[in-house]
Amino acid sequence: MQNKISPIINAVSNISKKSTGKIADIAKYKHYKKGELITSVGQKNNLEYFITSG
């Protein structure tokens, strides 16, 4: 899955492959159905979301 998020991360900030690998190692992947909300206005969270397709 690292190959899916590496280009997204590098588009924002060019970090080392080692750092990208560490992010990929701790990342949790979840599939959402079309139209399903990921977060809501006013909801507090400490997560980062990467949309890999759709």
N, C-alpha and C. Protein backbone atom coordinates (compact mmCIF):
# COMPACT_ATOMS: atom_id res chain seq x y z
N MET A 1 0.80 -1.21 0.00
CA MET A 1 0.00 0.00 0.00
C MET A 1 0.84 1.27 0.00
N GLN A 2 2.11 1.15 0.35
CA GLN A 2 2.97 2.33 0.38
C GLN A 2 2.98 3.01 -0.99
N ASN A 3 2.92 2.22 -2.05
CA ASN A 3 2.95 2.79 -3.38
C ASN A 3 1.74 3.67 -3.65
N LYS A 4 0.65 3.46 -2.93
CA LYS A 4 -0.54 4.29 -3.13
C LYS A 4 -0.43 5.64 -2.44
N ILE A 5 0.17 5.68 -1.26
CA ILE A 5 0.20 6.94 -0.53
C ILE A 5 1.47 7.75 -0.77
N SER A 6 2.55 7.12 -1.20
CA SER A 6 3.80 7.85 -1.43
C SER A 6 3.64 9.02 -2.39
N PRO A 7 3.01 8.83 -3.56
CA PRO A 7 2.85 9.98 -4.47
C PRO A 7 2.01 11.10 -3.88
N ILE A 8 1.03 10.74 -3.06
CA ILE A 8 0.18 11.76 -2.44
C ILE A 8 1.01 12.58 -1.44
N ILE A 9 1.77 11.89 -0.61
CA ILE A 9 2.61 12.58 0.38
C ILE A 9 3.65 13.45 -0.31
N ASN A 10 4.30 12.91 -1.32
CA ASN A 10 5.35 13.65 -2.01
C ASN A 10 4.80 14.84 -2.80
N ALA A 11 3.54 14.82 -3.17
CA ALA A 11 2.94 15.97 -3.84
C ALA A 11 2.80 17.15 -2.90
N VAL A 12 2.69 16.86 -1.61
CA VAL A 12 2.54 17.90 -0.60
C VAL A 12 3.91 18.32 -0.04
N SER A 13 4.74 17.34 0.25
CA SER A 13 6.05 17.58 0.84
C SER A 13 6.99 16.45 0.44
N ASN A 14 8.11 16.80 -0.16
CA ASN A 14 9.05 15.80 -0.62
C ASN A 14 9.88 15.31 0.57
N ILE A 15 9.48 14.18 1.14
CA ILE A 15 10.20 13.61 2.28
C ILE A 15 10.91 12.33 1.83
N SER A 16 11.80 11.84 2.66
CA SER A 16 12.60 10.67 2.30
C SER A 16 11.73 9.42 2.15
N LYS A 17 12.24 8.46 1.39
CA LYS A 17 11.55 7.18 1.23
C LYS A 17 11.44 6.47 2.58
N LYS A 18 12.44 6.65 3.43
CA LYS A 18 12.41 6.03 4.75
C LYS A 18 11.24 6.59 5.57
N SER A 19 11.06 7.91 5.54
CA SER A 19 9.96 8.53 6.28
C SER A 19 8.61 8.13 5.70
N THR A 20 8.52 8.10 4.38
CA THR A 20 7.28 7.67 3.74
C THR A 20 6.96 6.23 4.12
N GLY A 21 7.99 5.39 4.17
CA GLY A 21 7.81 4.00 4.57
C GLY A 21 7.29 3.87 5.99
N LYS A 22 7.80 4.72 6.89
CA LYS A 22 7.33 4.70 8.28
C LYS A 22 5.86 5.10 8.37
N ILE A 23 5.47 6.09 7.58
CA ILE A 23 4.06 6.50 7.56
C ILE A 23 3.21 5.34 7.05
N ALA A 24 3.66 4.72 5.98
CA ALA A 24 2.91 3.59 5.40
C ALA A 24 2.80 2.43 6.39
N ASP A 25 3.83 2.22 7.19
CA ASP A 25 3.81 1.13 8.17
C ASP A 25 2.74 1.32 9.24
N ILE A 26 2.47 2.55 9.61
CA ILE A 26 1.49 2.79 10.68
C ILE A 26 0.11 3.18 10.15
N ALA A 27 0.02 3.39 8.84
CA ALA A 27 -1.26 3.79 8.24
C ALA A 27 -2.29 2.67 8.34
N LYS A 28 -3.53 3.07 8.53
CA LYS A 28 -4.65 2.13 8.53
C LYS A 28 -5.50 2.46 7.31
N TYR A 29 -5.85 1.44 6.57
CA TYR A 29 -6.60 1.62 5.34
C TYR A 29 -8.04 1.21 5.55
N LYS A 30 -8.94 2.06 5.07
CA LYS A 30 -10.37 1.78 5.23
C LYS A 30 -11.09 2.14 3.94
N HIS A 31 -12.01 1.30 3.54
CA HIS A 31 -12.83 1.54 2.35
C HIS A 31 -14.13 2.20 2.78
N TYR A 32 -14.51 3.24 2.07
CA TYR A 32 -15.77 3.91 2.32
C TYR A 32 -16.67 3.75 1.11
N LYS A 33 -17.94 3.60 1.35
CA LYS A 33 -18.90 3.50 0.26
C LYS A 33 -19.12 4.88 -0.35
N LYS A 34 -19.53 4.91 -1.61
CA LYS A 34 -19.81 6.17 -2.28
C LYS A 34 -20.86 6.95 -1.49
N GLY A 35 -20.54 8.21 -1.20
CA GLY A 35 -21.46 9.07 -0.47
C GLY A 35 -21.30 9.02 1.04
N GLU A 36 -20.54 8.05 1.54
CA GLU A 36 -20.34 7.92 2.99
C GLU A 36 -19.40 9.03 3.47
N LEU A 37 -19.75 9.68 4.57
CA LEU A 37 -18.93 10.76 5.11
C LEU A 37 -17.73 10.21 5.87
N ILE A 38 -16.61 10.86 5.69
CA ILE A 38 -15.39 10.49 6.41
C ILE A 38 -15.35 11.24 7.73
N THR A 39 -15.72 12.50 7.71
CA THR A 39 -15.73 13.34 8.91
C THR A 39 -16.86 14.36 8.76
N SER A 40 -17.19 15.04 9.83
CA SER A 40 -18.27 16.03 9.80
C SER A 40 -17.73 17.40 10.21
N VAL A 41 -18.44 18.42 9.79
CA VAL A 41 -18.08 19.79 10.17
C VAL A 41 -18.14 19.89 11.69
N GLY A 42 -17.09 20.45 12.29
CA GLY A 42 -17.04 20.63 13.73
C GLY A 42 -16.50 19.44 14.50
N GLN A 43 -16.33 18.31 13.82
CA GLN A 43 -15.80 17.11 14.48
C GLN A 43 -14.31 17.28 14.69
N LYS A 44 -13.85 17.07 15.92
CA LYS A 44 -12.43 17.16 16.22
C LYS A 44 -11.80 15.78 16.06
N ASN A 45 -10.64 15.74 15.41
CA ASN A 45 -9.91 14.49 15.31
C ASN A 45 -8.43 14.79 15.09
N ASN A 46 -7.61 13.80 15.26
CA ASN A 46 -6.18 13.96 15.06
C ASN A 46 -5.69 13.01 13.96
N LEU A 47 -6.54 12.80 12.96
CA LEU A 47 -6.22 11.88 11.89
C LEU A 47 -5.91 12.63 10.61
N GLU A 48 -5.20 11.97 9.73
CA GLU A 48 -4.91 12.49 8.40
C GLU A 48 -5.53 11.53 7.40
N TYR A 49 -6.22 12.02 6.40
CA TYR A 49 -6.88 11.16 5.43
C TYR A 49 -6.22 11.33 4.07
N PHE A 50 -6.00 10.22 3.40
CA PHE A 50 -5.48 10.21 2.03
C PHE A 50 -6.47 9.44 1.18
N ILE A 51 -7.04 10.11 0.21
CA ILE A 51 -7.98 9.45 -0.72
C ILE A 51 -7.15 8.86 -1.84
N THR A 52 -7.15 7.54 -1.96
CA THR A 52 -6.31 6.89 -2.96
C THR A 52 -7.04 6.59 -4.25
N SER A 53 -8.37 6.61 -4.22
CA SER A 53 -9.15 6.44 -5.45
C SER A 53 -10.58 6.88 -5.19
N GLY A 54 -11.28 7.17 -6.28
CA GLY A 54 -12.68 7.51 -6.15
C GLY A 54 -12.99 8.97 -6.11
